[in-house]
Amino acid sequence: MSAKTGGPAFPLVTEKQILHDGMTLRDYFAAKAMAQLMFNSPVVQDDARTTASWAYEYADAMLKAREV
């Protein structure tokens, strides 16, 4: 598991091997954060790049909180 990404969120695994890692846990957390930011923030309409950065800041904070 990568500390930076949290490892795979939805790997496709058989009994013998990992077929596909899927998205990272960091990307999953960011997507969830982005959904809330888009729903609750008027800024989103004007600056998607900033909103995406915020989403990854939240994702990084969630990964950091898991280390404790």
C-alpha atoms as a PDB file:
ATOM      1  CA  MET A   1       0.000   0.000   0.000  1.00  0.00           C
ATOM      2  CA  SER A   2       1.330   3.408  -0.940  1.00  0.00           C
ATOM      3  CA  ALA A   3       1.127   6.003   1.811  1.00  0.00           C
ATOM      4  CA  LYS A   4       0.626   8.732  -0.783  1.00  0.00           C
ATOM      5  CA  THR A   5      -2.296   7.085  -2.596  1.00  0.00           C
ATOM      6  CA  GLY A   6      -3.693   4.776   0.052  1.00  0.00           C
ATOM      7  CA  GLY A   7      -3.378   1.835  -2.326  1.00  0.00           C
ATOM      8  CA  PRO A   8      -6.100   0.478  -4.590  1.00  0.00           C
ATOM      9  CA  ALA A   9      -9.704   1.268  -3.675  1.00  0.00           C
ATOM     10  CA  PHE A  10     -11.431  -1.289  -5.886  1.00  0.00           C
ATOM     11  CA  PRO A  11      -8.962  -3.928  -7.093  1.00  0.00           C
ATOM     12  CA  LEU A  12     -10.219  -6.708  -9.341  1.00  0.00           C
ATOM     13  CA  VAL A  13      -8.805  -9.818  -7.701  1.00  0.00           C
ATOM     14  CA  THR A  14      -9.036 -13.500  -8.573  1.00  0.00           C
ATOM     15  CA  GLU A  15      -7.814 -16.355  -6.414  1.00  0.00           C
ATOM     16  CA  LYS A  16      -4.432 -16.208  -8.138  1.00  0.00           C
ATOM     17  CA  GLN A  17      -3.731 -12.606  -9.087  1.00  0.00           C
ATOM     18  CA  ILE A  18      -4.723  -8.982  -9.100  1.00  0.00           C
ATOM     19  CA  LEU A  19      -6.146  -8.305 -12.557  1.00  0.00           C
ATOM     20  CA  HIS A  20      -6.547  -4.566 -12.149  1.00  0.00           C
ATOM     21  CA  ASP A  21      -5.782  -2.194  -9.271  1.00  0.00           C
ATOM     22  CA  GLY A  22      -8.756   0.055  -9.936  1.00  0.00           C
ATOM     23  CA  MET A  23      -8.702   3.644  -8.750  1.00  0.00           C
ATOM     24  CA  THR A  24      -6.579   4.637  -5.782  1.00  0.00           C
ATOM     25  CA  LEU A  25      -8.107   5.300  -2.413  1.00  0.00           C
ATOM     26  CA  ARG A  26      -6.834   8.882  -2.743  1.00  0.00           C
ATOM     27  CA  ASP A  27      -8.782   9.311  -5.996  1.00  0.00           C
ATOM     28  CA  TYR A  28     -11.888   7.800  -4.400  1.00  0.00           C
ATOM     29  CA  PHE A  29     -11.668  10.146  -1.420  1.00  0.00           C
ATOM     30  CA  ALA A  30     -11.101  13.109  -3.748  1.00  0.00           C
ATOM     31  CA  ALA A  31     -14.139  12.169  -5.843  1.00  0.00           C
ATOM     32  CA  LYS A  32     -16.321  12.040  -2.739  1.00  0.00           C
ATOM     33  CA  ALA A  33     -14.943  15.375  -1.519  1.00  0.00           C
ATOM     34  CA  MET A  34     -15.412  16.903  -4.989  1.00  0.00           C
ATOM     35  CA  ALA A  35     -19.064  15.877  -5.031  1.00  0.00           C
ATOM     36  CA  GLN A  36     -19.682  17.706  -1.769  1.00  0.00           C
ATOM     37  CA  LEU A  37     -17.682  20.746  -2.831  1.00  0.00           C
ATOM     38  CA  MET A  38     -19.655  20.964  -6.064  1.00  0.00           C
ATOM     39  CA  PHE A  39     -22.945  20.614  -4.206  1.00  0.00           C
ATOM     40  CA  ASN A  40     -22.144  23.118  -1.455  1.00  0.00           C
ATOM     41  CA  SER A  41     -19.882  25.744  -3.018  1.00  0.00           C
ATOM     42  CA  PRO A  42     -20.795  28.547  -5.431  1.00  0.00           C
ATOM     43  CA  VAL A  43     -17.084  28.880  -6.312  1.00  0.00           C
ATOM     44  CA  VAL A  44     -17.138  25.606  -8.238  1.00  0.00           C
ATOM     45  CA  GLN A  45     -18.931  27.069 -11.197  1.00  0.00           C
ATOM     46  CA  ASP A  46     -16.135  29.592 -11.717  1.00  0.00           C
ATOM     47  CA  ASP A  47     -12.989  27.642 -10.931  1.00  0.00           C
ATOM     48  CA  ALA A  48     -13.018  23.864 -11.369  1.00  0.00           C
ATOM     49  CA  ARG A  49      -9.230  23.608 -11.086  1.00  0.00           C
ATOM     50  CA  THR A  50      -9.273  25.160  -7.610  1.00  0.00           C
ATOM     51  CA  THR A  51     -12.138  22.914  -6.550  1.00  0.00           C
ATOM     52  CA  ALA A  52     -10.213  19.841  -7.747  1.00  0.00           C
ATOM     53  CA  SER A  53      -7.192  20.983  -5.724  1.00  0.00           C
ATOM     54  CA  TRP A  54      -9.386  21.356  -2.647  1.00  0.00           C
ATOM     55  CA  ALA A  55     -10.802  17.878  -3.204  1.00  0.00           C
ATOM     56  CA  TYR A  56      -7.304  16.378  -3.196  1.00  0.00           C
ATOM     57  CA  GLU A  57      -6.399  18.371  -0.084  1.00  0.00           C
ATOM     58  CA  TYR A  58      -9.365  16.749   1.659  1.00  0.00           C
ATOM     59  CA  ALA A  59      -8.348  13.341   0.292  1.00  0.00           C
ATOM     60  CA  ASP A  60      -4.786  13.793   1.572  1.00  0.00           C
ATOM     61  CA  ALA A  61      -6.135  14.796   4.986  1.00  0.00           C
ATOM     62  CA  MET A  62      -8.330  11.678   5.077  1.00  0.00           C
ATOM     63  CA  LEU A  63      -5.343   9.475   4.199  1.00  0.00           C
ATOM     64  CA  LYS A  64      -3.282  11.181   6.907  1.00  0.00           C
ATOM     65  CA  ALA A  65      -6.055  10.632   9.463  1.00  0.00           C
ATOM     66  CA  ARG A  66      -5.986   6.899   8.701  1.00  0.00           C
ATOM     67  CA  GLU A  67      -2.320   6.719   9.785  1.00  0.00           C
ATOM     68  CA  VAL A  68      -3.152   7.546  13.390  1.00  0.00           C
END
